[in-house]
PDB file of N, CA and C in Angstrom:
ATOM      1  N   UNK A   1       0.829  -1.158  -0.058  1.00  0.00           N
ATOM      2  CA  UNK A   1       0.015  -0.001   0.132  1.00  0.00           C
ATOM      3  C   UNK A   1       0.842   1.251  -0.060  1.00  0.00           C
ATOM      4  N   UNK A   2       0.486   2.320  -0.682  1.00  0.00           N
ATOM      5  CA  UNK A   2       1.222   3.540  -0.613  1.00  0.00           C
ATOM      6  C   UNK A   2       1.030   4.329   0.701  1.00  0.00           C
ATOM      7  N   UNK A   3       2.025   5.179   0.960  1.00  0.00           N
ATOM      8  CA  UNK A   3       2.058   5.932   2.191  1.00  0.00           C
ATOM      9  C   UNK A   3       1.059   7.175   2.009  1.00  0.00           C
ATOM     10  N   UNK A   4       0.756   7.618   3.166  1.00  0.00           N
ATOM     11  CA  UNK A   4      -0.115   8.975   3.127  1.00  0.00           C
ATOM     12  C   UNK A   4       0.711  10.137   2.554  1.00  0.00           C
ATOM     13  N   UNK A   5       0.188  10.779   1.612  1.00  0.00           N
ATOM     14  CA  UNK A   5       0.974  11.867   0.994  1.00  0.00           C
ATOM     15  C   UNK A   5      -0.074  13.086   1.037  1.00  0.00           C
ATOM     16  N   UNK A   6       0.621  14.283   1.446  1.00  0.00           N
ATOM     17  CA  UNK A   6      -0.250  15.502   1.392  1.00  0.00           C
ATOM     18  C   UNK A   6       0.463  16.494   0.505  1.00  0.00           C
ATOM     19  N   UNK A   7      -0.201  17.613   0.364  1.00  0.00           N
ATOM     20  CA  UNK A   7       0.326  18.698  -0.413  1.00  0.00           C
ATOM     21  C   UNK A   7       0.551  19.983   0.452  1.00  0.00           C
ATOM     22  N   UNK A   8       1.727  20.696   0.234  1.00  0.00           N
ATOM     23  CA  UNK A   8       2.001  21.918   0.762  1.00  0.00           C
ATOM     24  C   UNK A   8       1.041  22.902   0.247  1.00  0.00           C
ATOM     25  N   UNK A   9       1.015  24.066   0.729  1.00  0.00           N
ATOM     26  CA  UNK A   9       0.269  25.124   0.147  1.00  0.00           C
ATOM     27  C   UNK A   9       0.785  25.477  -1.206  1.00  0.00           C
ATOM     28  N   UNK A  10       1.992  25.346  -1.376  1.00  0.00           N
ATOM     29  CA  UNK A  10       2.677  25.573  -2.787  1.00  0.00           C
ATOM     30  C   UNK A  10       2.454  24.441  -3.785  1.00  0.00           C
ATOM     31  N   UNK A  11       1.787  23.356  -3.259  1.00  0.00           N
ATOM     32  CA  UNK A  11       1.568  22.235  -4.219  1.00  0.00           C
ATOM     33  C   UNK A  11       2.494  21.194  -4.266  1.00  0.00           C
ATOM     34  N   UNK A  12       3.563  21.183  -3.308  1.00  0.00           N
ATOM     35  CA  UNK A  12       4.531  20.157  -3.436  1.00  0.00           C
ATOM     36  C   UNK A  12       4.077  19.019  -2.520  1.00  0.00           C
ATOM     37  N   UNK A  13       4.452  17.815  -2.972  1.00  0.00           N
ATOM     38  CA  UNK A  13       4.053  16.626  -2.205  1.00  0.00           C
ATOM     39  C   UNK A  13       4.867  16.610  -0.850  1.00  0.00           C
ATOM     40  N   UNK A  14       4.233  16.197   0.135  1.00  0.00           N
ATOM     41  CA  UNK A  14       4.802  16.097   1.563  1.00  0.00           C
ATOM     42  C   UNK A  14       4.296  14.836   1.991  1.00  0.00           C
ATOM     43  N   UNK A  15       5.307  13.870   2.607  1.00  0.00           N
ATOM     44  CA  UNK A  15       4.933  12.599   3.352  1.00  0.00           C
ATOM     45  C   UNK A  15       5.119  12.763   4.663  1.00  0.00           C
ATOM     46  N   UNK A  16       3.928  13.044   5.567  1.00  0.00           N
ATOM     47  CA  UNK A  16       4.099  13.084   6.978  1.00  0.00           C
ATOM     48  C   UNK A  16       4.717  11.841   7.741  1.00  0.00           C
ATOM     49  N   UNK A  17       5.380  12.100   8.679  1.00  0.00           N
ATOM     50  CA  UNK A  17       5.873  11.052   9.429  1.00  0.00           C
ATOM     51  C   UNK A  17       5.549  11.112  10.878  1.00  0.00           C
ATOM     52  N   UNK A  18       4.751  10.069  11.399  1.00  0.00           N
ATOM     53  CA  UNK A  18       4.106   9.897  12.531  1.00  0.00           C
ATOM     54  C   UNK A  18       5.053   9.441  13.641  1.00  0.00           C
ATOM     55  N   UNK A  19       4.735   9.854  14.948  1.00  0.00           N
ATOM     56  CA  UNK A  19       5.488   9.478  16.097  1.00  0.00           C
ATOM     57  C   UNK A  19       5.332   8.012  16.252  1.00  0.00           C
ATOM     58  N   UNK A  20       6.380   7.365  16.412  1.00  0.00           N
ATOM     59  CA  UNK A  20       6.253   5.822  16.720  1.00  0.00           C
ATOM     60  C   UNK A  20       6.872   5.495  18.160  1.00  0.00           C
ATOM     61  N   UNK A  21       7.852   6.351  18.583  1.00  0.00           N
ATOM     62  CA  UNK A  21       8.501   5.969  19.794  1.00  0.00           C
ATOM     63  C   UNK A  21       9.316   7.188  20.482  1.00  0.00           C
ATOM     64  N   UNK A  22       9.484   7.110  21.721  1.00  0.00           N
ATOM     65  CA  UNK A  22      10.373   8.097  22.386  1.00  0.00           C
ATOM     66  C   UNK A  22      11.442   7.328  23.152  1.00  0.00           C
ATOM     67  N   UNK A  23      12.623   7.791  22.960  1.00  0.00           N
ATOM     68  CA  UNK A  23      13.711   7.193  23.653  1.00  0.00           C
ATOM     69  C   UNK A  23      13.810   7.728  25.113  1.00  0.00           C
ATOM     70  N   UNK A  24      13.128   6.961  26.042  1.00  0.00           N
ATOM     71  CA  UNK A  24      13.078   7.435  27.304  1.00  0.00           C
ATOM     72  C   UNK A  24      14.387   7.457  28.091  1.00  0.00           C
ATOM     73  N   UNK A  25      15.373   6.779  27.677  1.00  0.00           N
ATOM     74  CA  UNK A  25      16.868   6.848  28.305  1.00  0.00           C
ATOM     75  C   UNK A  25      17.293   8.133  28.068  1.00  0.00           C
ATOM     76  N   UNK A  26      17.014   8.754  26.874  1.00  0.00           N
ATOM     77  CA  UNK A  26      17.563  10.108  26.434  1.00  0.00           C
ATOM     78  C   UNK A  26      16.708  11.465  26.903  1.00  0.00           C
ATOM     79  N   UNK A  27      15.454  11.143  27.165  1.00  0.00           N
ATOM     80  CA  UNK A  27      14.392  12.038  27.455  1.00  0.00           C
ATOM     81  C   UNK A  27      14.735  12.731  28.849  1.00  0.00           C
ATOM     82  N   UNK A  28      14.770  14.051  28.883  1.00  0.00           N
ATOM     83  CA  UNK A  28      14.976  14.778  30.190  1.00  0.00           C
ATOM     84  C   UNK A  28      13.681  15.262  30.798  1.00  0.00           C
ATOM     85  N   UNK A  29      12.680  15.120  30.199  1.00  0.00           N
ATOM     86  CA  UNK A  29      11.379  15.359  30.796  1.00  0.00           C
ATOM     87  C   UNK A  29      11.162  16.902  30.929  1.00  0.00           C
ATOM     88  N   UNK A  30      11.648  17.670  29.981  1.00  0.00           N
ATOM     89  CA  UNK A  30      11.539  19.088  29.874  1.00  0.00           C
ATOM     90  C   UNK A  30      10.195  19.573  29.614  1.00  0.00           C
ATOM     91  N   UNK A  31       9.338  18.814  28.855  1.00  0.00           N
ATOM     92  CA  UNK A  31       7.928  19.157  28.531  1.00  0.00           C
ATOM     93  C   UNK A  31       7.873  20.108  27.301  1.00  0.00           C
ATOM     94  N   UNK A  32       8.961  20.336  26.723  1.00  0.00           N
ATOM     95  CA  UNK A  32       8.859  21.355  25.564  1.00  0.00           C
ATOM     96  C   UNK A  32       7.871  20.721  24.475  1.00  0.00           C
ATOM     97  N   UNK A  33       8.155  19.368  24.128  1.00  0.00           N
ATOM     98  CA  UNK A  33       7.331  18.811  23.080  1.00  0.00           C
ATOM     99  C   UNK A  33       5.866  18.752  23.492  1.00  0.00           C
ATOM    100  N   UNK A  34       5.531  18.514  24.789  1.00  0.00           N
ATOM    101  CA  UNK A  34       4.162  18.360  25.403  1.00  0.00           C
ATOM    102  C   UNK A  34       3.518  19.698  25.064  1.00  0.00           C
ATOM    103  N   UNK A  35       4.293  20.855  25.260  1.00  0.00           N
ATOM    104  CA  UNK A  35       3.576  22.142  25.077  1.00  0.00           C
ATOM    105  C   UNK A  35       3.324  22.493  23.625  1.00  0.00           C
ATOM    106  N   UNK A  36       4.175  22.071  22.735  1.00  0.00           N
ATOM    107  CA  UNK A  36       3.874  22.438  21.317  1.00  0.00           C
ATOM    108  C   UNK A  36       2.951  21.367  20.577  1.00  0.00           C
ATOM    109  N   UNK A  37       2.706  20.172  21.174  1.00  0.00           N
ATOM    110  CA  UNK A  37       1.825  19.219  20.429  1.00  0.00           C
ATOM    111  C   UNK A  37       0.400  19.780  20.242  1.00  0.00           C
ATOM    112  N   UNK A  38      -0.023  19.972  18.972  1.00  0.00           N
ATOM    113  CA  UNK A  38      -1.380  20.599  18.876  1.00  0.00           C
ATOM    114  C   UNK A  38      -2.496  19.415  19.059  1.00  0.00           C
ATOM    115  N   UNK A  39      -2.152  18.208  19.219  1.00  0.00           N
ATOM    116  CA  UNK A  39      -3.224  17.172  19.256  1.00  0.00           C
ATOM    117  C   UNK A  39      -3.260  16.267  20.460  1.00  0.00           C
ATOM    118  N   UNK A  40      -2.608  16.798  21.680  1.00  0.00           N
ATOM    119  CA  UNK A  40      -2.675  15.995  22.932  1.00  0.00           C
ATOM    120  C   UNK A  40      -2.183  14.421  22.604  1.00  0.00           C
ATOM    121  N   UNK A  41      -1.004  14.411  21.922  1.00  0.00           N
ATOM    122  CA  UNK A  41      -0.588  13.028  21.634  1.00  0.00           C
ATOM    123  C   UNK A  41       0.420  12.518  22.789  1.00  0.00           C
ATOM    124  N   UNK A  42       0.944  13.474  23.590  1.00  0.00           N
ATOM    125  CA  UNK A  42       2.012  13.133  24.518  1.00  0.00           C
ATOM    126  C   UNK A  42       1.406  13.303  25.951  1.00  0.00           C
ATOM    127  N   UNK A  43       2.315  12.586  26.869  1.00  0.00           N
ATOM    128  CA  UNK A  43       1.874  12.618  28.174  1.00  0.00           C
ATOM    129  C   UNK A  43       3.195  12.719  29.109  1.00  0.00           C
ATOM    130  N   UNK A  44       3.259  13.622  29.994  1.00  0.00           N
ATOM    131  CA  UNK A  44       4.442  13.685  30.902  1.00  0.00           C
ATOM    132  C   UNK A  44       4.158  13.185  32.126  1.00  0.00           C
ATOM    133  N   UNK A  45       5.002  11.942  32.361  1.00  0.00           N
ATOM    134  CA  UNK A  45       4.694  11.023  33.558  1.00  0.00           C
ATOM    135  C   UNK A  45       6.006  11.162  34.509  1.00  0.00           C
ATOM    136  N   UNK A  46       5.780  10.775  35.752  1.00  0.00           N
ATOM    137  CA  UNK A  46       6.997  10.467  36.564  1.00  0.00           C
ATOM    138  C   UNK A  46       7.755   9.287  36.248  1.00  0.00           C
ATOM    139  N   UNK A  47       9.003   9.473  36.014  1.00  0.00           N
ATOM    140  CA  UNK A  47       9.847   8.446  35.697  1.00  0.00           C
ATOM    141  C   UNK A  47       9.937   7.431  36.873  1.00  0.00           C
ATOM    142  N   UNK A  48       9.957   6.165  36.460  1.00  0.00           N
ATOM    143  CA  UNK A  48      10.150   5.089  37.319  1.00  0.00           C
ATOM    144  C   UNK A  48      11.536   4.739  37.584  1.00  0.00           C
ATOM    145  N   UNK A  49      11.996   4.575  38.698  1.00  0.00           N
ATOM    146  CA  UNK A  49      13.401   4.379  39.001  1.00  0.00           C
ATOM    147  C   UNK A  49      13.665   2.805  39.390  1.00  0.00           C
ATOM    148  N   UNK A  50      14.593   2.335  38.743  1.00  0.00           N
ATOM    149  CA  UNK A  50      15.166   1.039  39.249  1.00  0.00           C
ATOM    150  C   UNK A  50      15.756   1.082  40.597  1.00  0.00           C
ATOM    151  N   UNK A  51      15.561   0.140  41.527  1.00  0.00           N
ATOM    152  CA  UNK A  51      16.268   0.195  42.771  1.00  0.00           C
ATOM    153  C   UNK A  51      17.671   0.382  42.808  1.00  0.00           C
ATOM    154  N   UNK A  52      18.368  -0.196  41.842  1.00  0.00           N
ATOM    155  CA  UNK A  52      19.783  -0.134  41.750  1.00  0.00           C
ATOM    156  C   UNK A  52      20.355   0.755  40.889  1.00  0.00           C
ATOM    157  N   UNK A  53      19.473   1.758  40.451  1.00  0.00           N
ATOM    158  CA  UNK A  53      19.920   2.798  39.505  1.00  0.00           C
ATOM    159  C   UNK A  53      20.428   3.997  40.346  1.00  0.00           C
ATOM    160  N   UNK A  54      21.791   4.113  40.330  1.00  0.00           N
ATOM    161  CA  UNK A  54      22.409   5.134  41.150  1.00  0.00           C
ATOM    162  C   UNK A  54      22.293   6.478  40.578  1.00  0.00           C
ATOM    163  N   UNK A  55      22.181   6.583  39.219  1.00  0.00           N
ATOM    164  CA  UNK A  55      22.185   7.897  38.538  1.00  0.00           C
ATOM    165  C   UNK A  55      20.749   8.723  38.719  1.00  0.00           C
ATOM    166  N   UNK A  56      19.733   7.904  39.259  1.00  0.00           N
ATOM    167  CA  UNK A  56      18.404   8.523  39.256  1.00  0.00           C
ATOM    168  C   UNK A  56      18.289   9.687  40.128  1.00  0.00           C
ATOM    169  N   UNK A  57      17.920  10.791  39.506  1.00  0.00           N
ATOM    170  CA  UNK A  57      17.771  12.123  40.081  1.00  0.00           C
ATOM    171  C   UNK A  57      19.010  12.561  40.784  1.00  0.00           C
ATOM    172  N   UNK A  58      20.177  12.378  40.219  1.00  0.00           N
ATOM    173  CA  UNK A  58      21.460  12.698  40.806  1.00  0.00           C
ATOM    174  C   UNK A  58      21.655  13.974  40.846  1.00  0.00           C
ATOM    175  N   UNK A  59      21.029  14.818  39.888  1.00  0.00           N
ATOM    176  CA  UNK A  59      21.343  16.286  39.903  1.00  0.00           C
ATOM    177  C   UNK A  59      20.030  17.034  40.650  1.00  0.00           C
ATOM    178  N   UNK A  60      19.103  16.195  41.131  1.00  0.00           N
ATOM    179  CA  UNK A  60      18.104  16.908  41.920  1.00  0.00           C
ATOM    180  C   UNK A  60      16.956  17.493  40.868  1.00  0.00           C
ATOM    181  N   UNK A  61      17.048  17.111  39.635  1.00  0.00           N
ATOM    182  CA  UNK A  61      16.145  17.694  38.666  1.00  0.00           C
ATOM    183  C   UNK A  61      14.680  16.913  38.798  1.00  0.00           C
ATOM    184  N   UNK A  62      13.929  17.394  37.672  1.00  0.00           N
ATOM    185  CA  UNK A  62      12.584  16.784  37.585  1.00  0.00           C
ATOM    186  C   UNK A  62      12.659  15.379  37.141  1.00  0.00           C
ATOM    187  N   UNK A  63      11.932  14.475  37.798  1.00  0.00           N
ATOM    188  CA  UNK A  63      12.071  13.102  37.455  1.00  0.00           C
ATOM    189  C   UNK A  63      10.798  12.749  36.458  1.00  0.00           C
ATOM    190  N   UNK A  64      10.545  13.404  35.481  1.00  0.00           N
ATOM    191  CA  UNK A  64       9.533  13.359  34.520  1.00  0.00           C
ATOM    192  C   UNK A  64      10.209  12.680  33.184  1.00  0.00           C
ATOM    193  N   UNK A  65       9.274  11.831  32.448  1.00  0.00           N
ATOM    194  CA  UNK A  65       9.639  11.562  31.214  1.00  0.00           C
ATOM    195  C   UNK A  65       8.416  11.529  30.297  1.00  0.00           C
ATOM    196  N   UNK A  66       8.660  11.764  28.982  1.00  0.00           N
ATOM    197  CA  UNK A  66       7.607  12.003  28.017  1.00  0.00           C
ATOM    198  C   UNK A  66       7.163  10.493  27.583  1.00  0.00           C
ATOM    199  N   UNK A  67       5.968  10.317  27.317  1.00  0.00           N
ATOM    200  CA  UNK A  67       5.358   9.159  26.869  1.00  0.00           C
ATOM    201  C   UNK A  67       4.325   9.388  25.641  1.00  0.00           C
ATOM    202  N   UNK A  68       4.016   8.452  24.919  1.00  0.00           N
ATOM    203  CA  UNK A  68       2.996   8.463  23.838  1.00  0.00           C
ATOM    204  C   UNK A  68       1.679   8.254  24.572  1.00  0.00           C
ATOM    205  N   UNK A  69       0.853   9.184  24.563  1.00  0.00           N
ATOM    206  CA  UNK A  69      -0.577   8.946  25.220  1.00  0.00           C
ATOM    207  C   UNK A  69      -1.527   8.414  24.095  1.00  0.00           C
ATOM    208  N   UNK A  70      -1.531   9.151  22.865  1.00  0.00           N
ATOM    209  CA  UNK A  70      -2.370   8.586  21.875  1.00  0.00           C
ATOM    210  C   UNK A  70      -1.768   8.879  20.498  1.00  0.00           C
ATOM    211  N   UNK A  71      -1.043   7.966  20.024  1.00  0.00           N
ATOM    212  CA  UNK A  71      -0.381   8.023  18.744  1.00  0.00           C
ATOM    213  C   UNK A  71      -1.255   8.034  17.645  1.00  0.00           C
ATOM    214  N   UNK A  72      -2.595   7.584  17.735  1.00  0.00           N
ATOM    215  CA  UNK A  72      -3.523   7.819  16.617  1.00  0.00           C
ATOM    216  C   UNK A  72      -4.032   9.241  16.337  1.00  0.00           C
ATOM    217  N   UNK A  73      -3.614   9.977  17.312  1.00  0.00           N
ATOM    218  CA  UNK A  73      -4.069  11.503  17.113  1.00  0.00           C
ATOM    219  C   UNK A  73      -2.909  12.203  16.343  1.00  0.00           C
ATOM    220  N   UNK A  74      -1.700  11.766  16.336  1.00  0.00           N
ATOM    221  CA  UNK A  74      -0.685  12.445  15.758  1.00  0.00           C
ATOM    222  C   UNK A  74      -0.930  12.847  14.193  1.00  0.00           C
ATOM    223  N   UNK A  75      -0.523  13.950  13.942  1.00  0.00           N
ATOM    224  CA  UNK A  75      -0.859  14.423  12.582  1.00  0.00           C
ATOM    225  C   UNK A  75       0.431  14.514  11.676  1.00  0.00           C
ATOM    226  N   UNK A  76       1.700  14.223  12.238  1.00  0.00           N
ATOM    227  CA  UNK A  76       2.741  14.119  11.564  1.00  0.00           C
ATOM    228  C   UNK A  76       3.328  15.509  11.389  1.00  0.00           C
ATOM    229  N   UNK A  77       3.094  16.431  12.218  1.00  0.00           N
ATOM    230  CA  UNK A  77       3.716  17.773  11.876  1.00  0.00           C
ATOM    231  C   UNK A  77       5.213  17.870  12.414  1.00  0.00           C
ATOM    232  N   UNK A  78       5.752  17.009  13.269  1.00  0.00           N
ATOM    233  CA  UNK A  78       7.033  17.008  13.639  1.00  0.00           C
ATOM    234  C   UNK A  78       7.484  18.137  14.668  1.00  0.00           C
ATOM    235  N   UNK A  79       6.516  18.890  15.262  1.00  0.00           N
ATOM    236  CA  UNK A  79       6.762  19.967  16.082  1.00  0.00           C
ATOM    237  C   UNK A  79       7.543  19.329  17.353  1.00  0.00           C
ATOM    238  N   UNK A  80       7.246  18.282  17.919  1.00  0.00           N
ATOM    239  CA  UNK A  80       7.771  17.675  18.985  1.00  0.00           C
ATOM    240  C   UNK A  80       9.407  17.488  18.693  1.00  0.00           C
ATOM    241  N   UNK A  81       9.782  16.926  17.668  1.00  0.00           N
ATOM    242  CA  UNK A  81      11.126  16.807  17.437  1.00  0.00           C
ATOM    243  C   UNK A  81      11.875  18.086  17.266  1.00  0.00           C
ATOM    244  N   UNK A  82      11.239  19.128  16.670  1.00  0.00           N
ATOM    245  CA  UNK A  82      11.923  20.359  16.420  1.00  0.00           C
ATOM    246  C   UNK A  82      12.310  20.986  17.730  1.00  0.00           C
ATOM    247  N   UNK A  83      11.520  20.733  18.795  1.00  0.00           N
ATOM    248  CA  UNK A  83      11.856  21.363  20.122  1.00  0.00           C
ATOM    249  C   UNK A  83      12.645  20.572  21.034  1.00  0.00           C
ATOM    250  N   UNK A  84      12.754  19.312  20.738  1.00  0.00           N
ATOM    251  CA  UNK A  84      13.287  18.454  21.663  1.00  0.00           C
ATOM    252  C   UNK A  84      14.792  18.535  21.652  1.00  0.00           C
ATOM    253  N   UNK A  85      15.412  18.897  22.860  1.00  0.00           N
ATOM    254  CA  UNK A  85      16.885  19.243  22.911  1.00  0.00           C
ATOM    255  C   UNK A  85      17.759  17.758  22.668  1.00  0.00           C
ATOM    256  N   UNK A  86      17.003  16.742  22.885  1.00  0.00           N
ATOM    257  CA  UNK A  86      17.743  15.457  22.897  1.00  0.00           C
ATOM    258  C   UNK A  86      17.333  14.642  21.848  1.00  0.00           C
ATOM    259  N   UNK A  87      16.403  15.241  20.994  1.00  0.00           N
ATOM    260  CA  UNK A  87      16.113  14.420  19.732  1.00  0.00           C
ATOM    261  C   UNK A  87      15.707  12.810  20.037  1.00  0.00           C
ATOM    262  N   UNK A  88      14.780  12.835  20.905  1.00  0.00           N
ATOM    263  CA  UNK A  88      14.379  11.524  21.471  1.00  0.00           C
ATOM    264  C   UNK A  88      13.373  10.803  20.543  1.00  0.00           C
ATOM    265  N   UNK A  89      12.822  11.346  19.604  1.00  0.00           N
ATOM    266  CA  UNK A  89      11.728  10.836  18.821  1.00  0.00           C
ATOM    267  C   UNK A  89      12.105   9.919  17.650  1.00  0.00           C
ATOM    268  N   UNK A  90      11.275   8.952  17.467  1.00  0.00           N
ATOM    269  CA  UNK A  90      11.364   8.120  16.171  1.00  0.00           C
ATOM    270  C   UNK A  90      10.040   8.325  15.529  1.00  0.00           C
ATOM    271  N   UNK A  91      10.127   8.329  14.181  1.00  0.00           N
ATOM    272  CA  UNK A  91       8.947   8.598  13.307  1.00  0.00           C
ATOM    273  C   UNK A  91       8.961   7.506  12.089  1.00  0.00           C
ATOM    274  N   UNK A  92       7.701   7.535  11.544  1.00  0.00           N
ATOM    275  CA  UNK A  92       7.550   6.588  10.447  1.00  0.00           C
ATOM    276  C   UNK A  92       6.385   7.169   9.581  1.00  0.00           C
ATOM    277  N   UNK A  93       6.475   7.036   8.194  1.00  0.00           N
ATOM    278  CA  UNK A  93       5.337   7.244   7.507  1.00  0.00           C
ATOM    279  C   UNK A  93       4.215   6.185   7.709  1.00  0.00           C
ATOM    280  N   UNK A  94       2.988   6.495   7.364  1.00  0.00           N
ATOM    281  CA  UNK A  94       1.769   5.626   7.533  1.00  0.00           C
ATOM    282  C   UNK A  94       1.270   5.177   6.141  1.00  0.00           C
ATOM    283  N   UNK A  95       0.839   4.019   5.988  1.00  0.00           N
ATOM    284  CA  UNK A  95       0.102   3.797   4.815  1.00  0.00           C
ATOM    285  C   UNK A  95      -1.191   4.204   4.776  1.00  0.00           C
ATOM    286  N   UNK A  96      -1.736   4.448   3.547  1.00  0.00           N
ATOM    287  CA  UNK A  96      -3.024   4.954   3.331  1.00  0.00           C
ATOM    288  C   UNK A  96      -3.943   3.694   3.799  1.00  0.00           C
ATOM    289  N   UNK A  97      -5.004   4.099   4.629  1.00  0.00           N
ATOM    290  CA  UNK A  97      -5.963   3.010   5.061  1.00  0.00           C
ATOM    291  C   UNK A  97      -7.070   3.086   4.161  1.00  0.00           C
ATOM    292  N   UNK A  98      -7.704   1.887   3.733  1.00  0.00           N
ATOM    293  CA  UNK A  98      -8.815   1.887   2.957  1.00  0.00           C
ATOM    294  C   UNK A  98      -9.957   2.281   3.784  1.00  0.00           C
ATOM    295  N   UNK A  99     -10.844   3.097   3.011  1.00  0.00           N
ATOM    296  CA  UNK A  99     -11.943   3.638   3.744  1.00  0.00           C
ATOM    297  C   UNK A  99     -13.053   2.523   3.920  1.00  0.00           C
ATOM    298  N   UNK A 100     -13.845   2.662   5.121  1.00  0.00           N
ATOM    299  CA  UNK A 100     -14.788   1.701   5.352  1.00  0.00           C
ATOM    300  C   UNK A 100     -15.982   1.925   4.439  1.00  0.00           C
ATOM    301  N   UNK A 101     -16.503   0.832   3.985  1.00  0.00           N
ATOM    302  CA  UNK A 101     -17.717   0.974   3.069  1.00  0.00           C
ATOM    303  C   UNK A 101     -19.015   1.124   3.773  1.00  0.00           C
TER     304      UNK A 101
END
């Protein structure tokens, strides 16, 4: 099946890429992506610590991490990755789904 393709205002083809994963090892929980997401795709949650993880909250910072709340609402705009200082996001194009009859 072909991928979803849109058009820019200037008429150029554009293939949106949708969020598929967030590298939580790299995520610093700054919340920048959460603030720019226009579709409520993300959720900032408390990071779960392993009991033997000596680096956990070593700097006294916020123990938050970003998660994907509702990937089905992603519109492929890429705003989250543009503001992410750690570039934690993975994306992929999506296939065109057949319309229900």
